[in-house]
PDB file of N, CA and C in Angstrom:
ATOM      1  N   THR A   1       9.196  -5.075 -10.270  1.00  0.00           N
ATOM      2  CA  THR A   1       9.522  -5.144 -11.673  1.00  0.00           C
ATOM      3  C   THR A   1      10.009  -6.540 -12.046  1.00  0.00           C
ATOM      4  N   SER A   2       9.900  -6.854 -13.293  1.00  0.00           N
ATOM      5  CA  SER A   2      10.500  -8.061 -13.849  1.00  0.00           C
ATOM      6  C   SER A   2      10.897  -7.667 -15.270  1.00  0.00           C
ATOM      7  N   ARG A   3      11.379  -8.628 -15.986  1.00  0.00           N
ATOM      8  CA  ARG A   3      11.743  -8.346 -17.401  1.00  0.00           C
ATOM      9  C   ARG A   3      10.548  -7.833 -18.168  1.00  0.00           C
ATOM     10  N   HIS A   4       9.351  -8.241 -17.771  1.00  0.00           N
ATOM     11  CA  HIS A   4       8.189  -8.005 -18.586  1.00  0.00           C
ATOM     12  C   HIS A   4       7.202  -6.975 -17.990  1.00  0.00           C
ATOM     13  N   THR A   5       7.210  -6.849 -16.681  1.00  0.00           N
ATOM     14  CA  THR A   5       6.171  -6.065 -16.028  1.00  0.00           C
ATOM     15  C   THR A   5       6.752  -5.173 -14.922  1.00  0.00           C
ATOM     16  N   ARG A   6       6.183  -4.035 -14.790  1.00  0.00           N
ATOM     17  CA  ARG A   6       6.488  -3.135 -13.658  1.00  0.00           C
ATOM     18  C   ARG A   6       5.159  -2.702 -13.078  1.00  0.00           C
ATOM     19  N   VAL A   7       5.035  -2.832 -11.758  1.00  0.00           N
ATOM     20  CA  VAL A   7       3.794  -2.485 -11.068  1.00  0.00           C
ATOM     21  C   VAL A   7       4.040  -1.382 -10.074  1.00  0.00           C
ATOM     22  N   GLY A   8       3.130  -0.479  -9.998  1.00  0.00           N
ATOM     23  CA  GLY A   8       3.173   0.604  -8.997  1.00  0.00           C
ATOM     24  C   GLY A   8       1.772   0.819  -8.478  1.00  0.00           C
ATOM     25  N   ILE A   9       1.670   1.516  -7.409  1.00  0.00           N
ATOM     26  CA  ILE A   9       0.343   1.742  -6.757  1.00  0.00           C
ATOM     27  C   ILE A   9       0.239   3.227  -6.465  1.00  0.00           C
ATOM     28  N   LEU A  10      -0.914   3.811  -6.787  1.00  0.00           N
ATOM     29  CA  LEU A  10      -1.258   5.127  -6.358  1.00  0.00           C
ATOM     30  C   LEU A  10      -2.557   5.007  -5.520  1.00  0.00           C
ATOM     31  N   ASN A  11      -2.601   5.682  -4.392  1.00  0.00           N
ATOM     32  CA  ASN A  11      -3.759   5.631  -3.534  1.00  0.00           C
ATOM     33  C   ASN A  11      -4.709   6.805  -3.861  1.00  0.00           C
ATOM     34  N   ASN A  12      -5.978   6.518  -4.009  1.00  0.00           N
ATOM     35  CA  ASN A  12      -6.996   7.529  -4.274  1.00  0.00           C
ATOM     36  C   ASN A  12      -8.174   7.293  -3.338  1.00  0.00           C
ATOM     37  N   PRO A  13      -7.983   7.501  -2.021  1.00  0.00           N
ATOM     38  CA  PRO A  13      -9.059   7.183  -1.097  1.00  0.00           C
ATOM     39  C   PRO A  13     -10.269   8.078  -1.247  1.00  0.00           C
ATOM     40  N   SER A  14     -11.415   7.534  -0.867  1.00  0.00           N
ATOM     41  CA  SER A  14     -12.668   8.307  -0.969  1.00  0.00           C
ATOM     42  C   SER A  14     -13.016   8.932   0.404  1.00  0.00           C
ATOM     43  N   SER A  15     -12.353   8.511   1.462  1.00  0.00           N
ATOM     44  CA  SER A  15     -12.689   9.045   2.765  1.00  0.00           C
ATOM     45  C   SER A  15     -11.497   9.833   3.311  1.00  0.00           C
ATOM     46  N   LYS A  16     -11.713  10.514   4.427  1.00  0.00           N
ATOM     47  CA  LYS A  16     -10.679  11.291   5.108  1.00  0.00           C
ATOM     48  C   LYS A  16      -9.524  10.355   5.454  1.00  0.00           C
ATOM     49  N   ILE A  17      -8.319  10.785   5.174  1.00  0.00           N
ATOM     50  CA  ILE A  17      -7.132   9.975   5.396  1.00  0.00           C
ATOM     51  C   ILE A  17      -6.723  10.070   6.870  1.00  0.00           C
ATOM     52  N   LYS A  18      -6.725   8.871   7.542  1.00  0.00           N
ATOM     53  CA  LYS A  18      -6.358   8.775   8.943  1.00  0.00           C
ATOM     54  C   LYS A  18      -5.536   7.517   9.080  1.00  0.00           C
ATOM     55  N   GLU A  19      -4.737   7.436  10.152  1.00  0.00           N
ATOM     56  CA  GLU A  19      -3.936   6.212  10.395  1.00  0.00           C
ATOM     57  C   GLU A  19      -4.825   4.991  10.499  1.00  0.00           C
ATOM     58  N   SER A  20      -5.994   5.141  11.129  1.00  0.00           N
ATOM     59  CA  SER A  20      -6.870   4.002  11.366  1.00  0.00           C
ATOM     60  C   SER A  20      -7.446   3.397  10.103  1.00  0.00           C
ATOM     61  N   ASN A  21      -7.550   4.198   9.009  1.00  0.00           N
ATOM     62  CA  ASN A  21      -8.128   3.639   7.772  1.00  0.00           C
ATOM     63  C   ASN A  21      -7.154   3.486   6.638  1.00  0.00           C
ATOM     64  N   THR A  22      -5.864   3.586   6.955  1.00  0.00           N
ATOM     65  CA  THR A  22      -4.867   3.502   5.898  1.00  0.00           C
ATOM     66  C   THR A  22      -3.821   2.384   6.146  1.00  0.00           C
ATOM     67  N   ALA A  23      -4.127   1.465   7.054  1.00  0.00           N
ATOM     68  CA  ALA A  23      -3.139   0.415   7.393  1.00  0.00           C
ATOM     69  C   ALA A  23      -2.724  -0.388   6.176  1.00  0.00           C
ATOM     70  N   ILE A  24      -3.661  -0.772   5.331  1.00  0.00           N
ATOM     71  CA  ILE A  24      -3.321  -1.572   4.174  1.00  0.00           C
ATOM     72  C   ILE A  24      -2.547  -0.753   3.157  1.00  0.00           C
ATOM     73  N   ALA A  25      -3.005   0.463   2.890  1.00  0.00           N
ATOM     74  CA  ALA A  25      -2.296   1.353   1.953  1.00  0.00           C
ATOM     75  C   ALA A  25      -0.868   1.613   2.422  1.00  0.00           C
ATOM     76  N   ARG A  26      -0.704   1.885   3.709  1.00  0.00           N
ATOM     77  CA  ARG A  26       0.647   2.130   4.225  1.00  0.00           C
ATOM     78  C   ARG A  26       1.469   0.836   4.209  1.00  0.00           C
ATOM     79  N   GLY A  27       0.853  -0.287   4.437  1.00  0.00           N
ATOM     80  CA  GLY A  27       1.578  -1.558   4.367  1.00  0.00           C
ATOM     81  C   GLY A  27       2.031  -1.886   2.971  1.00  0.00           C
ATOM     82  N   ILE A  28       1.208  -1.550   1.990  1.00  0.00           N
ATOM     83  CA  ILE A  28       1.595  -1.803   0.581  1.00  0.00           C
ATOM     84  C   ILE A  28       2.761  -0.895   0.229  1.00  0.00           C
ATOM     85  N   LEU A  29       2.618   0.405   0.520  1.00  0.00           N
ATOM     86  CA  LEU A  29       3.703   1.345   0.184  1.00  0.00           C
ATOM     87  C   LEU A  29       5.026   0.955   0.899  1.00  0.00           C
ATOM     88  N   THR A  30       4.888   0.571   2.137  1.00  0.00           N
ATOM     89  CA  THR A  30       6.086   0.199   2.907  1.00  0.00           C
ATOM     90  C   THR A  30       6.748  -1.056   2.288  1.00  0.00           C
ATOM     91  N   ALA A  31       5.940  -2.014   1.901  1.00  0.00           N
ATOM     92  CA  ALA A  31       6.464  -3.225   1.283  1.00  0.00           C
ATOM     93  C   ALA A  31       7.217  -2.888  -0.050  1.00  0.00           C
ATOM     94  N   PHE A  32       6.603  -2.002  -0.826  1.00  0.00           N
ATOM     95  CA  PHE A  32       7.265  -1.601  -2.080  1.00  0.00           C
ATOM     96  C   PHE A  32       8.617  -0.964  -1.812  1.00  0.00           C
ATOM     97  N   LEU A  33       8.719  -0.224  -0.723  1.00  0.00           N
ATOM     98  CA  LEU A  33       9.947   0.511  -0.410  1.00  0.00           C
ATOM     99  C   LEU A  33      10.997  -0.335   0.275  1.00  0.00           C
ATOM    100  N   THR A  34      10.596  -1.471   0.886  1.00  0.00           N
ATOM    101  CA  THR A  34      11.570  -2.203   1.754  1.00  0.00           C
ATOM    102  C   THR A  34      11.832  -3.650   1.374  1.00  0.00           C
ATOM    103  N   GLN A  35      11.060  -4.260   0.491  1.00  0.00           N
ATOM    104  CA  GLN A  35      11.143  -5.661   0.294  1.00  0.00           C
ATOM    105  C   GLN A  35      11.532  -6.015  -1.134  1.00  0.00           C
ATOM    106  N   ASN A  36      12.065  -7.225  -1.304  1.00  0.00           N
ATOM    107  CA  ASN A  36      12.424  -7.692  -2.696  1.00  0.00           C
ATOM    108  C   ASN A  36      11.169  -8.215  -3.357  1.00  0.00           C
ATOM    109  N   ASN A  37      11.271  -8.442  -4.678  1.00  0.00           N
ATOM    110  CA  ASN A  37      10.077  -8.761  -5.445  1.00  0.00           C
ATOM    111  C   ASN A  37       9.352 -10.034  -5.021  1.00  0.00           C
ATOM    112  N   SER A  38      10.093 -11.083  -4.669  1.00  0.00           N
ATOM    113  CA  SER A  38       9.413 -12.324  -4.356  1.00  0.00           C
ATOM    114  C   SER A  38       8.650 -12.177  -3.036  1.00  0.00           C
ATOM    115  N   ASN A  39       9.193 -11.484  -2.040  1.00  0.00           N
ATOM    116  CA  ASN A  39       8.518 -11.296  -0.793  1.00  0.00           C
ATOM    117  C   ASN A  39       7.361 -10.303  -1.000  1.00  0.00           C
ATOM    118  N   LEU A  40       7.567  -9.352  -1.830  1.00  0.00           N
ATOM    119  CA  LEU A  40       6.539  -8.320  -2.055  1.00  0.00           C
ATOM    120  C   LEU A  40       5.277  -8.994  -2.632  1.00  0.00           C
ATOM    121  N   LYS A  41       5.439  -9.833  -3.615  1.00  0.00           N
ATOM    122  CA  LYS A  41       4.285 -10.488  -4.242  1.00  0.00           C
ATOM    123  C   LYS A  41       3.504 -11.307  -3.230  1.00  0.00           C
ATOM    124  N   SER A  42       4.164 -12.108  -2.386  1.00  0.00           N
ATOM    125  CA  SER A  42       3.495 -12.908  -1.406  1.00  0.00           C
ATOM    126  C   SER A  42       2.802 -12.081  -0.350  1.00  0.00           C
ATOM    127  N   PHE A  43       3.490 -11.015   0.074  1.00  0.00           N
ATOM    128  CA  PHE A  43       2.920 -10.138   1.098  1.00  0.00           C
ATOM    129  C   PHE A  43       1.653  -9.422   0.590  1.00  0.00           C
ATOM    130  N   LEU A  44       1.734  -8.908  -0.654  1.00  0.00           N
ATOM    131  CA  LEU A  44       0.576  -8.224  -1.253  1.00  0.00           C
ATOM    132  C   LEU A  44      -0.598  -9.164  -1.395  1.00  0.00           C
ATOM    133  N   SER A  45      -0.334 -10.445  -1.744  1.00  0.00           N
ATOM    134  CA  SER A  45      -1.412 -11.434  -1.814  1.00  0.00           C
ATOM    135  C   SER A  45      -2.091 -11.622  -0.479  1.00  0.00           C
ATOM    136  N   LYS A  46      -1.273 -11.624   0.556  1.00  0.00           N
ATOM    137  CA  LYS A  46      -1.806 -11.795   1.922  1.00  0.00           C
ATOM    138  C   LYS A  46      -2.627 -10.543   2.342  1.00  0.00           C
ATOM    139  N   LEU A  47      -2.115  -9.346   2.010  1.00  0.00           N
ATOM    140  CA  LEU A  47      -2.819  -8.111   2.402  1.00  0.00           C
ATOM    141  C   LEU A  47      -4.119  -7.971   1.633  1.00  0.00           C
ATOM    142  N   SER A  48      -4.248  -8.555   0.464  1.00  0.00           N
ATOM    143  CA  SER A  48      -5.438  -8.375  -0.340  1.00  0.00           C
ATOM    144  C   SER A  48      -6.611  -9.222   0.104  1.00  0.00           C
ATOM    145  N   LYS A  49      -6.429 -10.050   1.076  1.00  0.00           N
ATOM    146  CA  LYS A  49      -7.507 -10.905   1.536  1.00  0.00           C
ATOM    147  C   LYS A  49      -8.460 -10.158   2.458  1.00  0.00           C
ATOM    148  N   GLU A  50      -9.740 -10.437   2.338  1.00  0.00           N
ATOM    149  CA  GLU A  50     -10.757  -9.730   3.138  1.00  0.00           C
ATOM    150  C   GLU A  50     -10.574  -9.969   4.654  1.00  0.00           C
ATOM    151  N   GLU A  51     -10.163 -11.184   5.019  1.00  0.00           N
ATOM    152  CA  GLU A  51      -9.976 -11.435   6.438  1.00  0.00           C
ATOM    153  C   GLU A  51      -8.806 -10.661   7.038  1.00  0.00           C
ATOM    154  N   THR A  52      -7.808 -10.365   6.180  1.00  0.00           N
ATOM    155  CA  THR A  52      -6.707  -9.543   6.642  1.00  0.00           C
ATOM    156  C   THR A  52      -7.207  -8.106   6.911  1.00  0.00           C
ATOM    157  N   ALA A  53      -8.007  -7.566   6.014  1.00  0.00           N
ATOM    158  CA  ALA A  53      -8.563  -6.213   6.176  1.00  0.00           C
ATOM    159  C   ALA A  53      -9.407  -6.169   7.462  1.00  0.00           C
ATOM    160  N   LYS A  54     -10.220  -7.161   7.704  1.00  0.00           N
ATOM    161  CA  LYS A  54     -11.084  -7.182   8.873  1.00  0.00           C
ATOM    162  C   LYS A  54     -10.230  -7.228  10.155  1.00  0.00           C
ATOM    163  N   SER A  55      -9.185  -8.058  10.105  1.00  0.00           N
ATOM    164  CA  SER A  55      -8.329  -8.188  11.270  1.00  0.00           C
ATOM    165  C   SER A  55      -7.558  -6.881  11.570  1.00  0.00           C
ATOM    166  N   LEU A  56      -7.076  -6.219  10.516  1.00  0.00           N
ATOM    167  CA  LEU A  56      -6.399  -4.928  10.714  1.00  0.00           C
ATOM    168  C   LEU A  56      -7.383  -3.851  11.232  1.00  0.00           C
ATOM    169  N   ALA A  57      -8.571  -3.866  10.752  1.00  0.00           N
ATOM    170  CA  ALA A  57      -9.581  -2.950  11.232  1.00  0.00           C
ATOM    171  C   ALA A  57      -9.933  -3.165  12.665  1.00  0.00           C
ATOM    172  N   ALA A  58      -9.791  -4.421  13.125  1.00  0.00           N
ATOM    173  CA  ALA A  58     -10.101  -4.764  14.526  1.00  0.00           C
ATOM    174  C   ALA A  58      -8.909  -4.450  15.450  1.00  0.00           C
ATOM    175  N   GLY A  59      -7.783  -4.019  14.876  1.00  0.00           N
ATOM    176  CA  GLY A  59      -6.625  -3.615  15.714  1.00  0.00           C
ATOM    177  C   GLY A  59      -5.414  -4.501  15.662  1.00  0.00           C
ATOM    178  N   THR A  60      -5.459  -5.537  14.864  1.00  0.00           N
ATOM    179  CA  THR A  60      -4.241  -6.409  14.736  1.00  0.00           C
ATOM    180  C   THR A  60      -3.121  -5.594  14.081  1.00  0.00           C
ATOM    181  N   LYS A  61      -1.935  -5.744  14.634  1.00  0.00           N
ATOM    182  CA  LYS A  61      -0.802  -5.057  14.044  1.00  0.00           C
ATOM    183  C   LYS A  61      -0.410  -5.695  12.689  1.00  0.00           C
ATOM    184  N   ILE A  62      -0.003  -4.843  11.792  1.00  0.00           N
ATOM    185  CA  ILE A  62       0.322  -5.323  10.451  1.00  0.00           C
ATOM    186  C   ILE A  62       1.525  -6.294  10.448  1.00  0.00           C
ATOM    187  N   THR A  63       2.390  -6.150  11.414  1.00  0.00           N
ATOM    188  CA  THR A  63       3.542  -7.049  11.471  1.00  0.00           C
ATOM    189  C   THR A  63       3.162  -8.513  11.654  1.00  0.00           C
ATOM    190  N   LYS A  64       1.940  -8.761  12.134  1.00  0.00           N
ATOM    191  CA  LYS A  64       1.461 -10.159  12.257  1.00  0.00           C
ATOM    192  C   LYS A  64       1.347 -10.847  10.899  1.00  0.00           C
ATOM    193  N   PHE A  65       1.217 -10.048   9.801  1.00  0.00           N
ATOM    194  CA  PHE A  65       0.978 -10.565   8.520  1.00  0.00           C
ATOM    195  C   PHE A  65       2.266 -10.684   7.655  1.00  0.00           C
ATOM    196  N   LEU A  66       3.429 -10.349   8.237  1.00  0.00           N
ATOM    197  CA  LEU A  66       4.686 -10.443   7.506  1.00  0.00           C
ATOM    198  C   LEU A  66       4.941 -11.923   7.161  1.00  0.00           C
ATOM    199  N   ILE A  67       5.531 -12.156   6.048  1.00  0.00           N
ATOM    200  CA  ILE A  67       5.793 -13.515   5.623  1.00  0.00           C
ATOM    201  C   ILE A  67       7.243 -13.867   5.876  1.00  0.00           C
ATOM    202  N   PRO A  68       7.538 -15.174   5.999  1.00  0.00           N
ATOM    203  CA  PRO A  68       8.925 -15.573   6.186  1.00  0.00           C
ATOM    204  C   PRO A  68       9.814 -15.049   5.091  1.00  0.00           C
ATOM    205  N   GLY A  69      10.964 -14.559   5.446  1.00  0.00           N
ATOM    206  CA  GLY A  69      11.891 -13.983   4.485  1.00  0.00           C
ATOM    207  C   GLY A  69      11.826 -12.488   4.365  1.00  0.00           C
ATOM    208  N   MET A  70      10.756 -11.881   4.862  1.00  0.00           N
ATOM    209  CA  MET A  70      10.687 -10.415   4.828  1.00  0.00           C
ATOM    210  C   MET A  70      11.632  -9.839   5.921  1.00  0.00           C
ATOM    211  N   ASP A  71      12.173  -8.681   5.650  1.00  0.00           N
ATOM    212  CA  ASP A  71      12.957  -7.963   6.632  1.00  0.00           C
ATOM    213  C   ASP A  71      12.004  -7.204   7.549  1.00  0.00           C
ATOM    214  N   GLY A  72      11.600  -7.874   8.604  1.00  0.00           N
ATOM    215  CA  GLY A  72      10.558  -7.326   9.500  1.00  0.00           C
ATOM    216  C   GLY A  72      11.000  -6.034  10.225  1.00  0.00           C
ATOM    217  N   ASN A  73      12.278  -5.962  10.638  1.00  0.00           N
ATOM    218  CA  ASN A  73      12.695  -4.723  11.296  1.00  0.00           C
ATOM    219  C   ASN A  73      12.665  -3.536  10.388  1.00  0.00           C
ATOM    220  N   THR A  74      13.187  -3.686   9.148  1.00  0.00           N
ATOM    221  CA  THR A  74      13.137  -2.598   8.196  1.00  0.00           C
ATOM    222  C   THR A  74      11.696  -2.200   7.845  1.00  0.00           C
ATOM    223  N   PHE A  75      10.901  -3.228   7.650  1.00  0.00           N
ATOM    224  CA  PHE A  75       9.476  -2.962   7.348  1.00  0.00           C
ATOM    225  C   PHE A  75       8.828  -2.176   8.460  1.00  0.00           C
ATOM    226  N   GLU A  76       8.995  -2.628   9.676  1.00  0.00           N
ATOM    227  CA  GLU A  76       8.293  -2.002  10.818  1.00  0.00           C
ATOM    228  C   GLU A  76       8.764  -0.558  11.004  1.00  0.00           C
ATOM    229  N   LYS A  77      10.068  -0.317  10.914  1.00  0.00           N
ATOM    230  CA  LYS A  77      10.584   1.062  11.057  1.00  0.00           C
ATOM    231  C   LYS A  77       9.996   1.986  10.010  1.00  0.00           C
ATOM    232  N   LYS A  78       9.949   1.533   8.751  1.00  0.00           N
ATOM    233  CA  LYS A  78       9.426   2.372   7.660  1.00  0.00           C
ATOM    234  C   LYS A  78       7.943   2.553   7.799  1.00  0.00           C
ATOM    235  N   TYR A  79       7.216   1.523   8.178  1.00  0.00           N
ATOM    236  CA  TYR A  79       5.786   1.612   8.337  1.00  0.00           C
ATOM    237  C   TYR A  79       5.418   2.596   9.424  1.00  0.00           C
ATOM    238  N   ASN A  80       6.151   2.588  10.514  1.00  0.00           N
ATOM    239  CA  ASN A  80       5.849   3.464  11.629  1.00  0.00           C
ATOM    240  C   ASN A  80       6.223   4.923  11.383  1.00  0.00           C
ATOM    241  N   THR A  81       7.059   5.172  10.388  1.00  0.00           N
ATOM    242  CA  THR A  81       7.485   6.535  10.071  1.00  0.00           C
ATOM    243  C   THR A  81       6.970   7.067   8.718  1.00  0.00           C
ATOM    244  N   LEU A  82       6.225   6.236   8.002  1.00  0.00           N
ATOM    245  CA  LEU A  82       5.757   6.610   6.670  1.00  0.00           C
ATOM    246  C   LEU A  82       4.880   7.832   6.696  1.00  0.00           C
ATOM    247  N   GLY A  83       4.007   7.937   7.685  1.00  0.00           N
ATOM    248  CA  GLY A  83       3.078   9.054   7.772  1.00  0.00           C
ATOM    249  C   GLY A  83       2.018   9.032   6.704  1.00  0.00           C
ATOM    250  N   LEU A  84       1.187  10.050   6.749  1.00  0.00           N
ATOM    251  CA  LEU A  84       0.036  10.110   5.861  1.00  0.00           C
ATOM    252  C   LEU A  84       0.236  11.034   4.684  1.00  0.00           C
ATOM    253  N   ASN A  85       1.291  11.827   4.696  1.00  0.00           N
ATOM    254  CA  ASN A  85       1.533  12.793   3.645  1.00  0.00           C
ATOM    255  C   ASN A  85       1.719  12.155   2.277  1.00  0.00           C
ATOM    256  N   LEU A  86       2.333  10.981   2.247  1.00  0.00           N
ATOM    257  CA  LEU A  86       2.531  10.291   0.957  1.00  0.00           C
ATOM    258  C   LEU A  86       1.190   9.889   0.337  1.00  0.00           C
ATOM    259  N   ILE A  87       0.276   9.402   1.171  1.00  0.00           N
ATOM    260  CA  ILE A  87      -1.018   8.990   0.698  1.00  0.00           C
ATOM    261  C   ILE A  87      -1.798  10.262   0.239  1.00  0.00           C
ATOM    262  N   LYS A  88      -1.655  11.335   0.977  1.00  0.00           N
ATOM    263  CA  LYS A  88      -2.332  12.574   0.577  1.00  0.00           C
ATOM    264  C   LYS A  88      -1.770  13.082  -0.757  1.00  0.00           C
ATOM    265  N   THR A  89      -0.470  12.908  -0.954  1.00  0.00           N
ATOM    266  CA  THR A  89       0.147  13.319  -2.229  1.00  0.00           C
ATOM    267  C   THR A  89      -0.389  12.477  -3.394  1.00  0.00           C
ATOM    268  N   HIS A  90      -0.523  11.127  -3.157  1.00  0.00           N
ATOM    269  CA  HIS A  90      -1.108  10.271  -4.152  1.00  0.00           C
ATOM    270  C   HIS A  90      -2.517  10.726  -4.493  1.00  0.00           C
ATOM    271  N   GLN A  91      -3.287  10.991  -3.431  1.00  0.00           N
ATOM    272  CA  GLN A  91      -4.666  11.417  -3.636  1.00  0.00           C
ATOM    273  C   GLN A  91      -4.757  12.701  -4.502  1.00  0.00           C
ATOM    274  N   LEU A  92      -3.894  13.675  -4.174  1.00  0.00           N
ATOM    275  CA  LEU A  92      -3.889  14.882  -4.971  1.00  0.00           C
ATOM    276  C   LEU A  92      -3.482  14.645  -6.408  1.00  0.00           C
ATOM    277  N   PHE A  93      -2.509  13.813  -6.638  1.00  0.00           N
ATOM    278  CA  PHE A  93      -2.083  13.489  -7.999  1.00  0.00           C
ATOM    279  C   PHE A  93      -3.238  12.812  -8.748  1.00  0.00           C
ATOM    280  N   CYS A  94      -3.885  11.848  -8.135  1.00  0.00           N
ATOM    281  CA  CYS A  94      -4.971  11.154  -8.777  1.00  0.00           C
ATOM    282  C   CYS A  94      -6.114  12.088  -9.148  1.00  0.00           C
ATOM    283  N   GLN A  95      -6.455  13.005  -8.291  1.00  0.00           N
ATOM    284  CA  GLN A  95      -7.583  13.880  -8.507  1.00  0.00           C
ATOM    285  C   GLN A  95      -7.277  15.096  -9.331  1.00  0.00           C
ATOM    286  N   GLU A  96      -6.085  15.659  -9.182  1.00  0.00           N
ATOM    287  CA  GLU A  96      -5.726  16.913  -9.923  1.00  0.00           C
ATOM    288  C   GLU A  96      -5.090  16.631 -11.271  1.00  0.00           C
ATOM    289  N   VAL A  97      -4.248  15.639 -11.357  1.00  0.00           N
ATOM    290  CA  VAL A  97      -3.559  15.326 -12.607  1.00  0.00           C
ATOM    291  C   VAL A  97      -4.289  14.319 -13.464  1.00  0.00           C
ATOM    292  N   LEU A  98      -4.709  13.190 -12.808  1.00  0.00           N
ATOM    293  CA  LEU A  98      -5.394  12.164 -13.555  1.00  0.00           C
ATOM    294  C   LEU A  98      -6.894  12.381 -13.679  1.00  0.00           C
ATOM    295  N   LYS A  99      -7.394  13.380 -12.944  1.00  0.00           N
ATOM    296  CA  LYS A  99      -8.808  13.779 -12.989  1.00  0.00           C
ATOM    297  C   LYS A  99      -9.744  12.658 -12.531  1.00  0.00           C
ATOM    298  N   LEU A 100      -9.327  11.886 -11.563  1.00  0.00           N
ATOM    299  CA  LEU A 100     -10.165  10.827 -11.014  1.00  0.00           C
ATOM    300  C   LEU A 100     -10.996  11.412  -9.891  1.00  0.00           C
ATOM    301  N   LEU A 101     -12.158  10.838  -9.703  1.00  0.00           N
ATOM    302  CA  LEU A 101     -13.008  11.240  -8.578  1.00  0.00           C
ATOM    303  C   LEU A 101     -12.464  10.545  -7.332  1.00  0.00           C
ATOM    304  N   PRO A 102     -12.735  11.051  -6.142  1.00  0.00           N
ATOM    305  CA  PRO A 102     -12.313  10.361  -4.918  1.00  0.00           C
ATOM    306  C   PRO A 102     -12.747   8.885  -4.921  1.00  0.00           C
ATOM    307  N   GLY A 103     -11.829   7.997  -4.671  1.00  0.00           N
ATOM    308  CA  GLY A 103     -12.130   6.563  -4.675  1.00  0.00           C
ATOM    309  C   GLY A 103     -12.163   5.895  -6.009  1.00  0.00           C
ATOM    310  N   GLN A 104     -12.154   6.630  -7.097  1.00  0.00           N
ATOM    311  CA  GLN A 104     -12.267   6.050  -8.416  1.00  0.00           C
ATOM    312  C   GLN A 104     -10.986   5.301  -8.749  1.00  0.00           C
ATOM    313  N   MET A 105     -11.068   4.153  -9.394  1.00  0.00           N
ATOM    314  CA  MET A 105      -9.929   3.351  -9.753  1.00  0.00           C
ATOM    315  C   MET A 105      -9.612   3.512 -11.210  1.00  0.00           C
ATOM    316  N   ALA A 106      -8.362   3.270 -11.563  1.00  0.00           N
ATOM    317  CA  ALA A 106      -7.885   3.357 -12.945  1.00  0.00           C
ATOM    318  C   ALA A 106      -6.641   2.487 -13.082  1.00  0.00           C
ATOM    319  N   VAL A 107      -6.373   2.113 -14.308  1.00  0.00           N
ATOM    320  CA  VAL A 107      -5.127   1.421 -14.619  1.00  0.00           C
ATOM    321  C   VAL A 107      -4.388   2.278 -15.632  1.00  0.00           C
ATOM    322  N   MET A 108      -3.093   2.516 -15.319  1.00  0.00           N
ATOM    323  CA  MET A 108      -2.257   3.267 -16.228  1.00  0.00           C
ATOM    324  C   MET A 108      -1.318   2.294 -16.882  1.00  0.00           C
ATOM    325  N   SER A 109      -1.066   2.461 -18.128  1.00  0.00           N
ATOM    326  CA  SER A 109      -0.128   1.617 -18.844  1.00  0.00           C
ATOM    327  C   SER A 109       0.947   2.488 -19.508  1.00  0.00           C
ATOM    328  N   ASN A 110       2.198   2.090 -19.331  1.00  0.00           N
ATOM    329  CA  ASN A 110       3.293   2.837 -19.872  1.00  0.00           C
ATOM    330  C   ASN A 110       3.303   4.302 -19.451  1.00  0.00           C
ATOM    331  N   GLY A 111       2.867   4.462 -18.162  1.00  0.00           N
ATOM    332  CA  GLY A 111       2.893   5.836 -17.611  1.00  0.00           C
ATOM    333  C   GLY A 111       1.771   6.704 -18.141  1.00  0.00           C
ATOM    334  N   ARG A 112       0.784   6.163 -18.755  1.00  0.00           N
ATOM    335  CA  ARG A 112      -0.317   6.943 -19.311  1.00  0.00           C
ATOM    336  C   ARG A 112      -1.658   6.517 -18.731  1.00  0.00           C
TER     337      ARG A 112
END
């Protein structure tokens, strides 16, 4: 959040939710839950790069991508315990309430 903007993320995956294909989604959610705004912005920029996604898919641990100033211990503990239920809840909300198709993207403004 800032004086002018508040950002949130809802996951609406198109494939079966597994730990192996949710590293970025879990990393984003964990960062939102554990980091301050300045570190969050930099970390999300790093996670959004294609080479980061390829590296995570190849088995690199997400902690390799933490930026200086992030609370790595808090991040790692939360990341390892986040589980998949939160992403499944996001998926259900997107599809049942927002009426999005699996994988479909949308932007909500002012909670609408």
